[in-house]
């Protein structure tokens, strides 16, 4: 029994973070980081287009419409920025990871483990209905809101980068040079190196929990 409780504690300490998400809202650095990630990804995808836009109208004078490549047009930027922050809602809180790395797309390893336990008959109480486990968390919803406010405030800076400074990384130009000029920018240096040690821990804990049909709430875990 002692070994079982130890495994539960080691694996699901992060579950306490899930229960207290309102106390851990995204920082400005994290919001800017993922805003640039989403915008850069969208621009890279649309930049492959070979489409040519025709601007203006054919006049009686016989002048032809002006043609411009889509991948250098203002239209491409406008379309990329439109609802770009909605992509933030695809992120989940990976509470087992440190710093800004806690935000990533896909289901977290911790949540996958909890769902596997539920599938095996173990009752896990996180304080919210099971059907809401996959809904955007308080943290993610707040990041989306901050993203929209940030994009509106710094729209002209993004436009300046797009038309004049694309040789520089968007993250550096927008976040380091402007938004975080006098703020903490350490999160921009954080890079993903894999879930070190978590796989073995979750497998061991699931093995110990298999057959234990008691209800476990966030406080117990």
N, C-alpha and C. Protein backbone atom coordinates (compact mmCIF):
# COMPACT_ATOMS: atom_id res chain seq x y z
N UNK A 1 0.83 -1.21 0.00
CA UNK A 1 0.00 0.00 0.00
C UNK A 1 0.86 1.26 0.00
N UNK A 2 1.96 1.21 0.77
CA UNK A 2 2.86 2.35 0.84
C UNK A 2 3.47 2.63 -0.52
N UNK A 3 3.87 1.53 -1.22
CA UNK A 3 4.45 1.68 -2.56
C UNK A 3 3.44 2.28 -3.53
N UNK A 4 2.19 1.84 -3.40
CA UNK A 4 1.13 2.34 -4.28
C UNK A 4 0.94 3.84 -4.11
N UNK A 5 0.86 4.29 -2.86
CA UNK A 5 0.67 5.72 -2.59
C UNK A 5 1.86 6.54 -3.07
N UNK A 6 3.06 5.98 -2.97
CA UNK A 6 4.25 6.68 -3.44
C UNK A 6 4.21 6.88 -4.94
N UNK A 7 3.82 5.84 -5.66
CA UNK A 7 3.73 5.93 -7.13
C UNK A 7 2.67 6.93 -7.55
N UNK A 8 1.54 6.90 -6.85
CA UNK A 8 0.48 7.85 -7.16
C UNK A 8 0.97 9.28 -6.94
N UNK A 9 1.66 9.49 -5.83
CA UNK A 9 2.16 10.82 -5.52
C UNK A 9 3.16 11.31 -6.53
N UNK A 10 4.09 10.45 -6.96
CA UNK A 10 5.11 10.84 -7.92
C UNK A 10 4.50 11.16 -9.28
N UNK A 11 3.57 10.34 -9.71
CA UNK A 11 2.98 10.52 -11.03
C UNK A 11 2.04 11.70 -11.11
N UNK A 12 1.22 11.86 -10.10
CA UNK A 12 0.11 12.80 -10.22
C UNK A 12 0.23 14.03 -9.32
N UNK A 13 1.43 14.36 -8.92
CA UNK A 13 1.62 15.63 -8.21
C UNK A 13 1.13 16.77 -9.09
N UNK A 14 1.37 16.59 -10.40
CA UNK A 14 0.96 17.62 -11.36
C UNK A 14 -0.54 17.77 -11.42
N UNK A 15 -1.30 16.78 -10.97
CA UNK A 15 -2.75 16.89 -11.00
C UNK A 15 -3.22 18.03 -10.11
N UNK A 16 -2.47 18.30 -9.06
CA UNK A 16 -2.79 19.43 -8.19
C UNK A 16 -2.74 20.73 -8.98
N UNK A 17 -1.81 20.80 -9.94
CA UNK A 17 -1.71 22.00 -10.78
C UNK A 17 -2.95 22.13 -11.64
N UNK A 18 -3.50 21.01 -12.09
CA UNK A 18 -4.72 21.06 -12.89
C UNK A 18 -5.88 21.62 -12.07
N UNK A 19 -5.89 21.33 -10.80
CA UNK A 19 -6.97 21.80 -9.95
C UNK A 19 -6.81 23.26 -9.58
N UNK A 20 -5.60 23.81 -9.76
CA UNK A 20 -5.33 25.20 -9.35
C UNK A 20 -4.91 26.07 -10.54
N UNK A 21 -5.46 25.80 -11.71
CA UNK A 21 -5.02 26.49 -12.92
C UNK A 21 -5.24 27.99 -12.85
N UNK A 22 -6.27 28.43 -12.12
CA UNK A 22 -6.55 29.86 -12.07
C UNK A 22 -5.40 30.63 -11.41
N UNK A 23 -4.59 29.93 -10.63
CA UNK A 23 -3.49 30.60 -9.95
C UNK A 23 -2.24 30.65 -10.82
N UNK A 24 -2.27 30.01 -11.99
CA UNK A 24 -1.10 29.94 -12.84
C UNK A 24 -1.50 30.36 -14.27
N UNK A 25 -1.79 31.65 -14.46
CA UNK A 25 -2.18 32.14 -15.76
C UNK A 25 -0.93 32.44 -16.59
N UNK A 26 -1.05 32.39 -17.92
CA UNK A 26 0.10 32.60 -18.81
C UNK A 26 0.74 33.97 -18.63
N UNK A 27 2.06 34.00 -18.68
CA UNK A 27 2.80 35.24 -18.60
C UNK A 27 2.90 35.88 -19.97
N UNK A 28 3.24 37.18 -19.98
CA UNK A 28 3.35 37.91 -21.24
C UNK A 28 4.33 37.24 -22.20
N UNK A 29 5.44 36.76 -21.67
CA UNK A 29 6.45 36.10 -22.49
C UNK A 29 5.87 34.87 -23.18
N UNK A 30 5.11 34.08 -22.43
CA UNK A 30 4.53 32.86 -22.99
C UNK A 30 3.48 33.17 -24.04
N UNK A 31 2.69 34.19 -23.81
CA UNK A 31 1.67 34.58 -24.77
C UNK A 31 2.33 35.02 -26.08
N UNK A 32 3.36 35.85 -25.98
CA UNK A 32 4.04 36.33 -27.18
C UNK A 32 4.71 35.18 -27.93
N UNK A 33 5.30 34.27 -27.17
CA UNK A 33 5.99 33.13 -27.77
C UNK A 33 5.05 32.31 -28.64
N UNK A 34 3.87 31.99 -28.13
CA UNK A 34 2.96 31.14 -28.88
C UNK A 34 2.16 31.91 -29.93
N UNK A 35 2.01 33.20 -29.74
CA UNK A 35 1.44 34.04 -30.80
C UNK A 35 2.34 33.98 -32.03
N UNK A 36 3.65 34.14 -31.82
CA UNK A 36 4.58 34.11 -32.96
C UNK A 36 4.68 32.70 -33.56
N UNK A 37 4.59 31.68 -32.72
CA UNK A 37 4.63 30.30 -33.22
C UNK A 37 3.47 30.07 -34.19
N UNK A 38 2.27 30.48 -33.77
CA UNK A 38 1.08 30.28 -34.60
C UNK A 38 1.13 31.12 -35.88
N UNK A 39 1.52 32.38 -35.75
CA UNK A 39 1.55 33.26 -36.92
C UNK A 39 2.62 32.83 -37.91
N UNK A 40 3.79 32.48 -37.40
CA UNK A 40 4.88 32.05 -38.28
C UNK A 40 4.50 30.78 -39.03
N UNK A 41 3.86 29.84 -38.34
CA UNK A 41 3.46 28.58 -38.98
C UNK A 41 2.44 28.83 -40.09
N UNK A 42 1.49 29.72 -39.82
CA UNK A 42 0.47 30.03 -40.82
C UNK A 42 1.09 30.72 -42.03
N UNK A 43 2.01 31.64 -41.80
CA UNK A 43 2.66 32.34 -42.90
C UNK A 43 3.54 31.39 -43.72
N UNK A 44 4.22 30.49 -43.06
CA UNK A 44 5.06 29.54 -43.78
C UNK A 44 4.22 28.64 -44.69
N UNK A 45 3.05 28.27 -44.22
CA UNK A 45 2.16 27.43 -45.01
C UNK A 45 1.63 28.18 -46.23
N UNK A 46 1.16 29.40 -46.02
CA UNK A 46 0.60 30.18 -47.14
C UNK A 46 1.70 30.69 -48.06
N UNK A 47 2.94 30.76 -47.58
CA UNK A 47 4.04 31.27 -48.41
C UNK A 47 4.39 30.36 -49.56
N UNK A 48 3.90 29.14 -49.56
CA UNK A 48 4.17 28.21 -50.65
C UNK A 48 3.29 28.47 -51.87
N UNK A 49 2.29 29.31 -51.70
CA UNK A 49 1.35 29.58 -52.78
C UNK A 49 2.02 30.31 -53.95
N UNK A 50 1.65 29.90 -55.16
CA UNK A 50 2.15 30.55 -56.38
C UNK A 50 1.11 31.49 -56.98
N UNK A 51 0.05 31.71 -56.21
CA UNK A 51 -1.06 32.53 -56.70
C UNK A 51 -0.62 33.97 -56.97
N UNK A 52 -1.21 34.56 -58.00
CA UNK A 52 -0.95 35.97 -58.35
C UNK A 52 -2.27 36.73 -58.22
N UNK A 53 -2.25 37.81 -57.47
CA UNK A 53 -3.45 38.61 -57.28
C UNK A 53 -3.49 39.74 -58.29
N UNK A 54 -4.70 40.08 -58.73
CA UNK A 54 -4.90 41.22 -59.63
C UNK A 54 -5.63 42.30 -58.85
N UNK A 55 -5.01 43.44 -58.71
CA UNK A 55 -5.56 44.52 -57.91
C UNK A 55 -6.03 45.67 -58.79
N UNK A 56 -7.06 46.35 -58.33
CA UNK A 56 -7.57 47.50 -59.07
C UNK A 56 -8.63 47.10 -60.09
N UNK A 57 -9.06 48.07 -60.87
CA UNK A 57 -10.10 47.83 -61.87
C UNK A 57 -9.61 48.27 -63.25
N UNK A 58 -10.14 47.62 -64.27
CA UNK A 58 -9.81 48.00 -65.65
C UNK A 58 -10.54 49.30 -65.98
N UNK A 59 -9.79 50.31 -66.29
CA UNK A 59 -10.37 51.62 -66.57
C UNK A 59 -10.63 51.81 -68.05
N UNK A 60 -11.41 52.85 -68.36
CA UNK A 60 -11.71 53.14 -69.75
C UNK A 60 -10.44 53.49 -70.53
N UNK A 61 -9.43 53.89 -69.80
CA UNK A 61 -8.17 54.27 -70.46
C UNK A 61 -7.43 53.05 -70.99
N UNK A 62 -7.90 51.87 -70.59
CA UNK A 62 -7.25 50.66 -71.08
C UNK A 62 -6.16 50.14 -70.16
N UNK A 63 -5.94 50.80 -69.04
CA UNK A 63 -4.91 50.34 -68.12
C UNK A 63 -5.32 48.99 -67.53
N UNK A 64 -4.35 48.10 -67.43
CA UNK A 64 -4.61 46.76 -66.91
C UNK A 64 -4.49 46.72 -65.39
N UNK A 65 -5.09 45.72 -64.81
CA UNK A 65 -5.01 45.56 -63.36
C UNK A 65 -3.56 45.29 -62.94
N UNK A 66 -3.21 45.77 -61.77
CA UNK A 66 -1.87 45.55 -61.24
C UNK A 66 -1.79 44.15 -60.63
N UNK A 67 -0.74 43.43 -60.98
CA UNK A 67 -0.57 42.07 -60.48
C UNK A 67 0.49 42.03 -59.38
N UNK A 68 0.23 41.23 -58.37
CA UNK A 68 1.17 41.10 -57.27
C UNK A 68 1.15 39.67 -56.76
N UNK A 69 2.31 39.15 -56.39
CA UNK A 69 2.38 37.79 -55.88
C UNK A 69 1.70 37.70 -54.51
N UNK A 70 0.91 36.65 -54.34
CA UNK A 70 0.18 36.49 -53.09
C UNK A 70 1.12 36.39 -51.89
N UNK A 71 2.26 35.67 -52.06
CA UNK A 71 3.12 35.44 -50.91
C UNK A 71 3.91 36.66 -50.46
N UNK A 72 3.74 37.78 -51.15
CA UNK A 72 4.33 39.04 -50.68
C UNK A 72 3.27 40.12 -50.47
N UNK A 73 2.03 39.71 -50.53
CA UNK A 73 0.92 40.68 -50.47
C UNK A 73 0.44 40.96 -49.06
N UNK A 74 -0.22 42.08 -48.91
CA UNK A 74 -0.85 42.42 -47.63
C UNK A 74 -2.01 41.48 -47.34
N UNK A 75 -2.64 40.98 -48.42
CA UNK A 75 -3.75 40.04 -48.26
C UNK A 75 -3.31 38.79 -47.50
N UNK A 76 -2.12 38.29 -47.82
CA UNK A 76 -1.61 37.09 -47.14
C UNK A 76 -1.45 37.35 -45.64
N UNK A 77 -0.91 38.50 -45.27
CA UNK A 77 -0.73 38.83 -43.86
C UNK A 77 -2.07 38.98 -43.16
N UNK A 78 -3.00 39.68 -43.80
CA UNK A 78 -4.32 39.89 -43.21
C UNK A 78 -5.02 38.57 -42.94
N UNK A 79 -4.96 37.67 -43.92
CA UNK A 79 -5.61 36.37 -43.75
C UNK A 79 -4.93 35.55 -42.66
N UNK A 80 -3.62 35.68 -42.55
CA UNK A 80 -2.88 34.93 -41.52
C UNK A 80 -3.23 35.43 -40.12
N UNK A 81 -3.38 36.74 -39.98
CA UNK A 81 -3.67 37.33 -38.68
C UNK A 81 -5.12 37.16 -38.26
N UNK A 82 -6.00 36.93 -39.22
CA UNK A 82 -7.42 36.81 -38.93
C UNK A 82 -7.69 35.55 -38.11
N UNK A 83 -8.15 35.72 -36.90
CA UNK A 83 -8.48 34.62 -35.99
C UNK A 83 -7.28 33.74 -35.64
N UNK A 84 -6.06 34.29 -35.76
CA UNK A 84 -4.87 33.49 -35.48
C UNK A 84 -4.85 32.99 -34.04
N UNK A 85 -5.41 33.77 -33.13
CA UNK A 85 -5.39 33.38 -31.72
C UNK A 85 -6.32 32.22 -31.42
N UNK A 86 -7.22 31.91 -32.35
CA UNK A 86 -8.09 30.75 -32.14
C UNK A 86 -7.27 29.46 -32.08
N UNK A 87 -6.11 29.48 -32.74
CA UNK A 87 -5.25 28.31 -32.72
C UNK A 87 -4.74 27.98 -31.33
N UNK A 88 -4.73 28.98 -30.45
CA UNK A 88 -4.28 28.75 -29.08
C UNK A 88 -5.19 27.75 -28.37
N UNK A 89 -6.45 27.70 -28.76
CA UNK A 89 -7.39 26.80 -28.10
C UNK A 89 -7.08 25.33 -28.39
N UNK A 90 -6.18 25.06 -29.30
CA UNK A 90 -5.78 23.69 -29.59
C UNK A 90 -4.70 23.20 -28.61
N UNK A 91 -4.20 24.12 -27.79
CA UNK A 91 -3.16 23.77 -26.84
C UNK A 91 -3.78 23.15 -25.58
N UNK A 92 -2.97 22.36 -24.90
CA UNK A 92 -3.35 21.80 -23.61
C UNK A 92 -2.27 22.16 -22.59
N UNK A 93 -2.62 22.06 -21.33
CA UNK A 93 -1.64 22.29 -20.27
C UNK A 93 -0.98 20.96 -19.93
N UNK A 94 0.29 20.85 -20.21
CA UNK A 94 1.07 19.65 -19.88
C UNK A 94 1.76 19.94 -18.54
N UNK A 95 1.01 19.73 -17.49
CA UNK A 95 1.44 20.17 -16.16
C UNK A 95 2.72 19.49 -15.68
N UNK A 96 3.09 18.39 -16.33
CA UNK A 96 4.32 17.70 -15.92
C UNK A 96 5.58 18.37 -16.48
N UNK A 97 5.40 19.36 -17.34
CA UNK A 97 6.54 20.04 -17.96
C UNK A 97 6.79 21.40 -17.30
N UNK A 98 8.03 21.89 -17.36
CA UNK A 98 8.36 23.17 -16.72
C UNK A 98 8.13 24.37 -17.63
N UNK A 99 7.96 25.53 -17.01
CA UNK A 99 7.91 26.80 -17.74
C UNK A 99 6.92 26.85 -18.88
N UNK A 100 7.32 27.49 -19.97
CA UNK A 100 6.44 27.65 -21.13
C UNK A 100 6.20 26.33 -21.85
N UNK A 101 7.01 25.32 -21.56
CA UNK A 101 6.87 24.02 -22.21
C UNK A 101 5.60 23.31 -21.76
N UNK A 102 4.96 23.83 -20.71
CA UNK A 102 3.71 23.24 -20.25
C UNK A 102 2.59 23.45 -21.27
N UNK A 103 2.78 24.37 -22.20
CA UNK A 103 1.78 24.61 -23.23
C UNK A 103 2.19 23.94 -24.54
N UNK A 104 1.37 23.01 -25.00
CA UNK A 104 1.66 22.32 -26.25
C UNK A 104 0.36 21.73 -26.80
N UNK A 105 0.34 21.51 -28.09
CA UNK A 105 -0.85 20.92 -28.70
C UNK A 105 -0.89 19.43 -28.39
N UNK A 106 -2.09 18.89 -28.35
CA UNK A 106 -2.25 17.48 -28.04
C UNK A 106 -2.52 17.25 -26.57
N UNK A 107 -2.98 16.06 -26.26
CA UNK A 107 -3.29 15.69 -24.88
C UNK A 107 -2.01 15.47 -24.10
N UNK A 108 -1.96 15.97 -22.89
CA UNK A 108 -0.76 15.83 -22.07
C UNK A 108 -0.58 14.38 -21.65
N UNK A 109 0.66 14.04 -21.34
CA UNK A 109 0.97 12.69 -20.88
C UNK A 109 0.23 12.37 -19.59
N UNK A 110 0.13 13.36 -18.72
CA UNK A 110 -0.60 13.16 -17.46
C UNK A 110 -2.07 12.84 -17.72
N UNK A 111 -2.69 13.63 -18.63
CA UNK A 111 -4.10 13.40 -18.91
C UNK A 111 -4.33 12.05 -19.59
N UNK A 112 -3.40 11.66 -20.48
CA UNK A 112 -3.52 10.35 -21.10
C UNK A 112 -3.48 9.25 -20.05
N UNK A 113 -2.59 9.41 -19.07
CA UNK A 113 -2.48 8.42 -18.00
C UNK A 113 -3.76 8.34 -17.19
N UNK A 114 -4.32 9.51 -16.86
CA UNK A 114 -5.57 9.54 -16.09
C UNK A 114 -6.71 8.87 -16.85
N UNK A 115 -6.77 9.13 -18.17
CA UNK A 115 -7.82 8.50 -18.98
C UNK A 115 -7.64 6.99 -19.04
N UNK A 116 -6.37 6.56 -19.12
CA UNK A 116 -6.11 5.12 -19.13
C UNK A 116 -6.56 4.47 -17.83
N UNK A 117 -6.37 5.19 -16.73
CA UNK A 117 -6.80 4.67 -15.44
C UNK A 117 -8.32 4.55 -15.38
N UNK A 118 -9.00 5.58 -15.92
CA UNK A 118 -10.46 5.55 -15.97
C UNK A 118 -10.94 4.37 -16.81
N UNK A 119 -10.26 4.13 -17.96
CA UNK A 119 -10.62 3.02 -18.83
C UNK A 119 -10.45 1.67 -18.13
N UNK A 120 -9.53 1.63 -17.16
CA UNK A 120 -9.29 0.39 -16.43
C UNK A 120 -10.21 0.24 -15.21
N UNK A 121 -11.07 1.22 -15.03
CA UNK A 121 -12.03 1.12 -13.94
C UNK A 121 -11.68 1.91 -12.70
N UNK A 122 -10.56 2.63 -12.74
CA UNK A 122 -10.19 3.44 -11.59
C UNK A 122 -10.94 4.77 -11.67
N UNK A 123 -11.60 5.15 -10.59
CA UNK A 123 -12.34 6.41 -10.56
C UNK A 123 -11.42 7.55 -10.13
N UNK A 124 -11.22 8.51 -11.01
CA UNK A 124 -10.35 9.65 -10.73
C UNK A 124 -11.19 10.92 -10.74
N UNK A 125 -11.18 11.66 -9.65
CA UNK A 125 -11.98 12.86 -9.52
C UNK A 125 -11.09 14.10 -9.60
N UNK A 126 -11.20 14.86 -10.70
CA UNK A 126 -10.44 16.11 -10.85
C UNK A 126 -11.27 17.33 -10.48
N UNK A 127 -12.47 17.10 -10.04
CA UNK A 127 -13.32 18.23 -9.66
C UNK A 127 -14.14 18.78 -10.81
N UNK A 128 -13.98 18.18 -12.01
CA UNK A 128 -14.78 18.58 -13.18
C UNK A 128 -15.30 17.31 -13.85
N UNK A 129 -16.46 17.39 -14.53
CA UNK A 129 -17.00 16.21 -15.20
C UNK A 129 -16.03 15.63 -16.24
N UNK A 130 -16.04 14.33 -16.39
CA UNK A 130 -15.13 13.66 -17.33
C UNK A 130 -15.27 14.21 -18.74
N UNK A 131 -16.50 14.51 -19.16
CA UNK A 131 -16.72 14.97 -20.53
C UNK A 131 -16.12 16.35 -20.79
N UNK A 132 -15.70 17.05 -19.73
CA UNK A 132 -15.08 18.37 -19.90
C UNK A 132 -13.56 18.32 -19.80
N UNK A 133 -13.00 17.14 -19.64
CA UNK A 133 -11.55 17.03 -19.49
C UNK A 133 -10.80 17.55 -20.71
N UNK A 134 -11.40 17.44 -21.89
CA UNK A 134 -10.72 17.86 -23.12
C UNK A 134 -11.06 19.29 -23.54
N UNK A 135 -11.87 19.98 -22.76
CA UNK A 135 -12.19 21.37 -23.07
C UNK A 135 -11.00 22.27 -22.73
N UNK A 136 -10.85 23.42 -23.43
CA UNK A 136 -9.74 24.34 -23.12
C UNK A 136 -9.73 24.71 -21.65
N UNK A 137 -8.58 24.67 -21.03
CA UNK A 137 -8.46 24.99 -19.62
C UNK A 137 -8.55 26.48 -19.38
N UNK A 138 -8.61 26.85 -18.12
CA UNK A 138 -8.62 28.27 -17.75
C UNK A 138 -7.37 28.96 -18.28
N UNK A 139 -6.23 28.28 -18.16
CA UNK A 139 -4.97 28.86 -18.63
C UNK A 139 -5.00 29.12 -20.12
N UNK A 140 -5.45 28.12 -20.88
CA UNK A 140 -5.45 28.23 -22.34
C UNK A 140 -6.43 29.31 -22.80
N UNK A 141 -7.61 29.35 -22.18
CA UNK A 141 -8.59 30.38 -22.53
C UNK A 141 -8.04 31.78 -22.25
N UNK A 142 -7.30 31.91 -21.14
CA UNK A 142 -6.71 33.20 -20.80
C UNK A 142 -5.60 33.56 -21.79
N UNK A 143 -4.83 32.58 -22.24
CA UNK A 143 -3.78 32.85 -23.22
C UNK A 143 -4.39 33.35 -24.52
N UNK A 144 -5.51 32.76 -24.94
CA UNK A 144 -6.19 33.21 -26.16
C UNK A 144 -6.62 34.66 -26.01
N UNK A 145 -7.19 34.99 -24.86
CA UNK A 145 -7.64 36.36 -24.63
C UNK A 145 -6.46 37.33 -24.67
N UNK A 146 -5.37 36.97 -24.00
CA UNK A 146 -4.19 37.83 -24.01
C UNK A 146 -3.59 37.94 -25.41
N UNK A 147 -3.64 36.86 -26.15
CA UNK A 147 -3.13 36.85 -27.53
C UNK A 147 -3.88 37.86 -28.39
N UNK A 148 -5.19 37.87 -28.28
CA UNK A 148 -6.00 38.80 -29.08
C UNK A 148 -5.70 40.25 -28.73
N UNK A 149 -5.55 40.53 -27.43
CA UNK A 149 -5.23 41.88 -26.98
C UNK A 149 -3.85 42.30 -27.47
N UNK A 150 -2.89 41.40 -27.37
CA UNK A 150 -1.51 41.67 -27.78
C UNK A 150 -1.43 41.92 -29.28
N UNK A 151 -2.11 41.11 -30.05
CA UNK A 151 -2.07 41.25 -31.51
C UNK A 151 -2.69 42.57 -31.94
N UNK A 152 -3.77 42.96 -31.29
CA UNK A 152 -4.41 44.23 -31.61
C UNK A 152 -3.50 45.41 -31.28
N UNK A 153 -2.81 45.32 -30.16
CA UNK A 153 -1.94 46.41 -29.73
C UNK A 153 -0.68 46.54 -30.58
N UNK A 154 -0.18 45.41 -31.07
CA UNK A 154 1.09 45.43 -31.80
C UNK A 154 0.92 45.07 -33.28
N UNK A 155 -0.26 45.30 -33.82
CA UNK A 155 -0.53 44.97 -35.21
C UNK A 155 0.43 45.69 -36.17
N UNK A 156 0.71 46.96 -35.89
CA UNK A 156 1.60 47.72 -36.77
C UNK A 156 3.02 47.19 -36.72
N UNK A 157 3.44 46.67 -35.58
CA UNK A 157 4.78 46.09 -35.46
C UNK A 157 4.87 44.82 -36.30
N UNK A 158 3.82 44.00 -36.27
CA UNK A 158 3.79 42.79 -37.09
C UNK A 158 3.84 43.16 -38.57
N UNK A 159 3.11 44.20 -38.96
CA UNK A 159 3.12 44.65 -40.35
C UNK A 159 4.51 45.14 -40.75
N UNK A 160 5.16 45.85 -39.86
CA UNK A 160 6.51 46.34 -40.14
C UNK A 160 7.47 45.18 -40.36
N UNK A 161 7.34 44.15 -39.52
CA UNK A 161 8.19 42.96 -39.69
C UNK A 161 7.91 42.30 -41.04
N UNK A 162 6.66 42.15 -41.37
CA UNK A 162 6.26 41.43 -42.59
C UNK A 162 6.80 42.11 -43.86
N UNK A 163 6.69 43.42 -43.89
CA UNK A 163 7.09 44.14 -45.11
C UNK A 163 8.57 44.54 -45.13
N UNK A 164 9.20 44.62 -43.97
CA UNK A 164 10.56 45.18 -43.95
C UNK A 164 11.62 44.35 -43.23
N UNK A 165 11.23 43.38 -42.42
CA UNK A 165 12.24 42.72 -41.58
C UNK A 165 12.11 41.20 -41.54
N UNK A 166 11.64 40.58 -42.58
CA UNK A 166 11.44 39.13 -42.53
C UNK A 166 12.74 38.34 -42.47
N UNK A 167 13.86 39.00 -42.67
CA UNK A 167 15.13 38.31 -42.51
C UNK A 167 15.41 38.00 -41.03
N UNK A 168 14.68 38.65 -40.14
CA UNK A 168 14.82 38.44 -38.70
C UNK A 168 13.66 37.58 -38.21
N UNK A 169 13.94 36.68 -37.29
CA UNK A 169 12.88 35.82 -36.75
C UNK A 169 11.78 36.66 -36.12
N UNK A 170 10.53 36.30 -36.39
CA UNK A 170 9.40 37.04 -35.85
C UNK A 170 9.43 37.07 -34.33
N UNK A 171 9.80 35.96 -33.73
CA UNK A 171 9.86 35.89 -32.26
C UNK A 171 10.82 36.93 -31.70
N UNK A 172 11.97 37.08 -32.32
CA UNK A 172 12.95 38.04 -31.85
C UNK A 172 12.49 39.47 -32.11
N UNK A 173 11.98 39.72 -33.32
CA UNK A 173 11.59 41.08 -33.68
C UNK A 173 10.40 41.56 -32.86
N UNK A 174 9.37 40.73 -32.76
CA UNK A 174 8.15 41.13 -32.07
C UNK A 174 8.29 41.05 -30.55
N UNK A 175 8.78 39.91 -30.07
CA UNK A 175 8.83 39.69 -28.62
C UNK A 175 10.01 40.38 -27.96
N UNK A 176 11.22 40.02 -28.37
CA UNK A 176 12.41 40.57 -27.70
C UNK A 176 12.56 42.07 -27.91
N UNK A 177 12.37 42.50 -29.15
CA UNK A 177 12.65 43.90 -29.48
C UNK A 177 11.53 44.85 -29.06
N UNK A 178 10.30 44.37 -29.07
CA UNK A 178 9.18 45.27 -28.80
C UNK A 178 8.38 44.91 -27.55
N UNK A 179 7.64 43.81 -27.60
CA UNK A 179 6.71 43.51 -26.51
C UNK A 179 7.42 43.26 -25.18
N UNK A 180 8.54 42.55 -25.21
CA UNK A 180 9.25 42.19 -23.98
C UNK A 180 10.52 43.00 -23.78
N UNK A 181 10.57 44.15 -24.39
CA UNK A 181 11.78 44.98 -24.34
C UNK A 181 12.25 45.23 -22.92
N UNK A 182 11.33 45.48 -22.01
CA UNK A 182 11.69 45.74 -20.62
C UNK A 182 11.09 44.69 -19.68
N UNK A 183 10.87 43.51 -20.21
CA UNK A 183 10.26 42.45 -19.41
C UNK A 183 11.08 41.17 -19.51
N UNK A 184 10.71 40.20 -18.68
CA UNK A 184 11.37 38.90 -18.68
C UNK A 184 11.11 38.17 -20.00
N UNK A 185 12.17 37.73 -20.67
CA UNK A 185 12.03 37.02 -21.95
C UNK A 185 12.66 35.64 -21.90
N UNK A 186 12.87 35.11 -20.69
CA UNK A 186 13.55 33.83 -20.53
C UNK A 186 12.80 32.69 -21.20
N UNK A 187 11.48 32.77 -21.27
CA UNK A 187 10.71 31.67 -21.83
C UNK A 187 11.03 31.43 -23.30
N UNK A 188 11.53 32.46 -23.98
CA UNK A 188 11.85 32.32 -25.40
C UNK A 188 13.03 31.38 -25.61
N UNK A 189 13.81 31.15 -24.57
CA UNK A 189 14.99 30.28 -24.66
C UNK A 189 14.66 28.83 -24.34
N UNK A 190 13.46 28.59 -23.86
CA UNK A 190 13.07 27.24 -23.47
C UNK A 190 12.72 26.42 -24.70
N UNK A 191 13.37 25.27 -24.86
CA UNK A 191 13.11 24.40 -26.00
C UNK A 191 12.75 23.01 -25.52
N UNK A 192 11.95 22.33 -26.31
CA UNK A 192 11.45 21.02 -25.93
C UNK A 192 12.52 19.95 -26.16
N UNK A 193 12.78 19.12 -25.15
CA UNK A 193 13.80 18.07 -25.24
C UNK A 193 13.23 16.69 -24.91
N UNK A 194 11.92 16.60 -24.85
CA UNK A 194 11.30 15.30 -24.61
C UNK A 194 10.86 15.11 -23.17
N UNK A 195 9.92 14.18 -22.97
CA UNK A 195 9.40 13.89 -21.63
C UNK A 195 10.36 12.98 -20.89
N UNK A 196 11.43 13.50 -20.39
CA UNK A 196 12.45 12.71 -19.71
C UNK A 196 11.91 12.03 -18.45
N UNK A 197 11.97 10.70 -18.46
CA UNK A 197 11.61 9.95 -17.26
C UNK A 197 10.14 9.76 -17.01
N UNK A 198 9.27 10.46 -17.74
CA UNK A 198 7.84 10.38 -17.44
C UNK A 198 7.22 9.06 -17.89
N UNK A 199 7.71 8.51 -19.02
CA UNK A 199 7.10 7.29 -19.55
C UNK A 199 7.23 6.14 -18.57
N UNK A 200 8.45 5.95 -18.03
CA UNK A 200 8.66 4.86 -17.08
C UNK A 200 7.81 5.03 -15.83
N UNK A 201 7.71 6.27 -15.36
CA UNK A 201 6.95 6.54 -14.15
C UNK A 201 5.47 6.25 -14.33
N UNK A 202 4.92 6.68 -15.47
CA UNK A 202 3.50 6.47 -15.71
C UNK A 202 3.18 4.99 -15.87
N UNK A 203 4.05 4.25 -16.57
CA UNK A 203 3.81 2.82 -16.76
C UNK A 203 3.85 2.08 -15.43
N UNK A 204 4.80 2.42 -14.58
CA UNK A 204 4.90 1.77 -13.27
C UNK A 204 3.69 2.08 -12.42
N UNK A 205 3.25 3.35 -12.44
CA UNK A 205 2.11 3.75 -11.63
C UNK A 205 0.83 3.10 -12.11
N UNK A 206 0.66 3.03 -13.44
CA UNK A 206 -0.53 2.38 -13.99
C UNK A 206 -0.57 0.92 -13.60
N UNK A 207 0.60 0.28 -13.63
CA UNK A 207 0.69 -1.13 -13.26
C UNK A 207 0.27 -1.34 -11.81
N UNK A 208 0.71 -0.45 -10.93
CA UNK A 208 0.36 -0.56 -9.51
C UNK A 208 -1.10 -0.26 -9.26
N UNK A 209 -1.65 0.67 -10.10
CA UNK A 209 -3.03 1.06 -9.88
C UNK A 209 -4.02 0.07 -10.48
N UNK A 210 -3.56 -0.74 -11.44
CA UNK A 210 -4.44 -1.68 -12.12
C UNK A 210 -5.00 -2.66 -11.08
N UNK A 211 -6.29 -2.71 -11.01
CA UNK A 211 -6.92 -3.57 -10.02
C UNK A 211 -7.39 -2.82 -8.80
N UNK A 212 -6.87 -1.60 -8.61
CA UNK A 212 -7.33 -0.78 -7.49
C UNK A 212 -8.53 0.01 -7.96
N UNK A 213 -9.70 -0.27 -7.49
CA UNK A 213 -10.95 0.32 -8.00
C UNK A 213 -11.49 1.43 -7.12
N UNK A 214 -10.65 1.98 -6.23
CA UNK A 214 -11.10 3.05 -5.37
C UNK A 214 -11.17 4.36 -6.13
N UNK A 215 -11.90 5.31 -5.60
CA UNK A 215 -11.95 6.64 -6.18
C UNK A 215 -10.81 7.48 -5.66
N UNK A 216 -10.10 8.18 -6.57
CA UNK A 216 -8.99 9.04 -6.18
C UNK A 216 -9.31 10.46 -6.62
N UNK A 217 -9.29 11.38 -5.70
CA UNK A 217 -9.52 12.77 -6.08
C UNK A 217 -8.19 13.50 -6.15
N UNK A 218 -8.24 14.77 -6.62
CA UNK A 218 -7.00 15.53 -6.84
C UNK A 218 -6.21 15.70 -5.55
N UNK A 219 -6.89 15.88 -4.44
CA UNK A 219 -6.19 16.09 -3.18
C UNK A 219 -5.45 14.83 -2.75
N UNK A 220 -6.09 13.66 -2.94
CA UNK A 220 -5.46 12.41 -2.56
C UNK A 220 -4.26 12.11 -3.44
N UNK A 221 -4.40 12.44 -4.75
CA UNK A 221 -3.32 12.14 -5.68
C UNK A 221 -2.17 13.09 -5.52
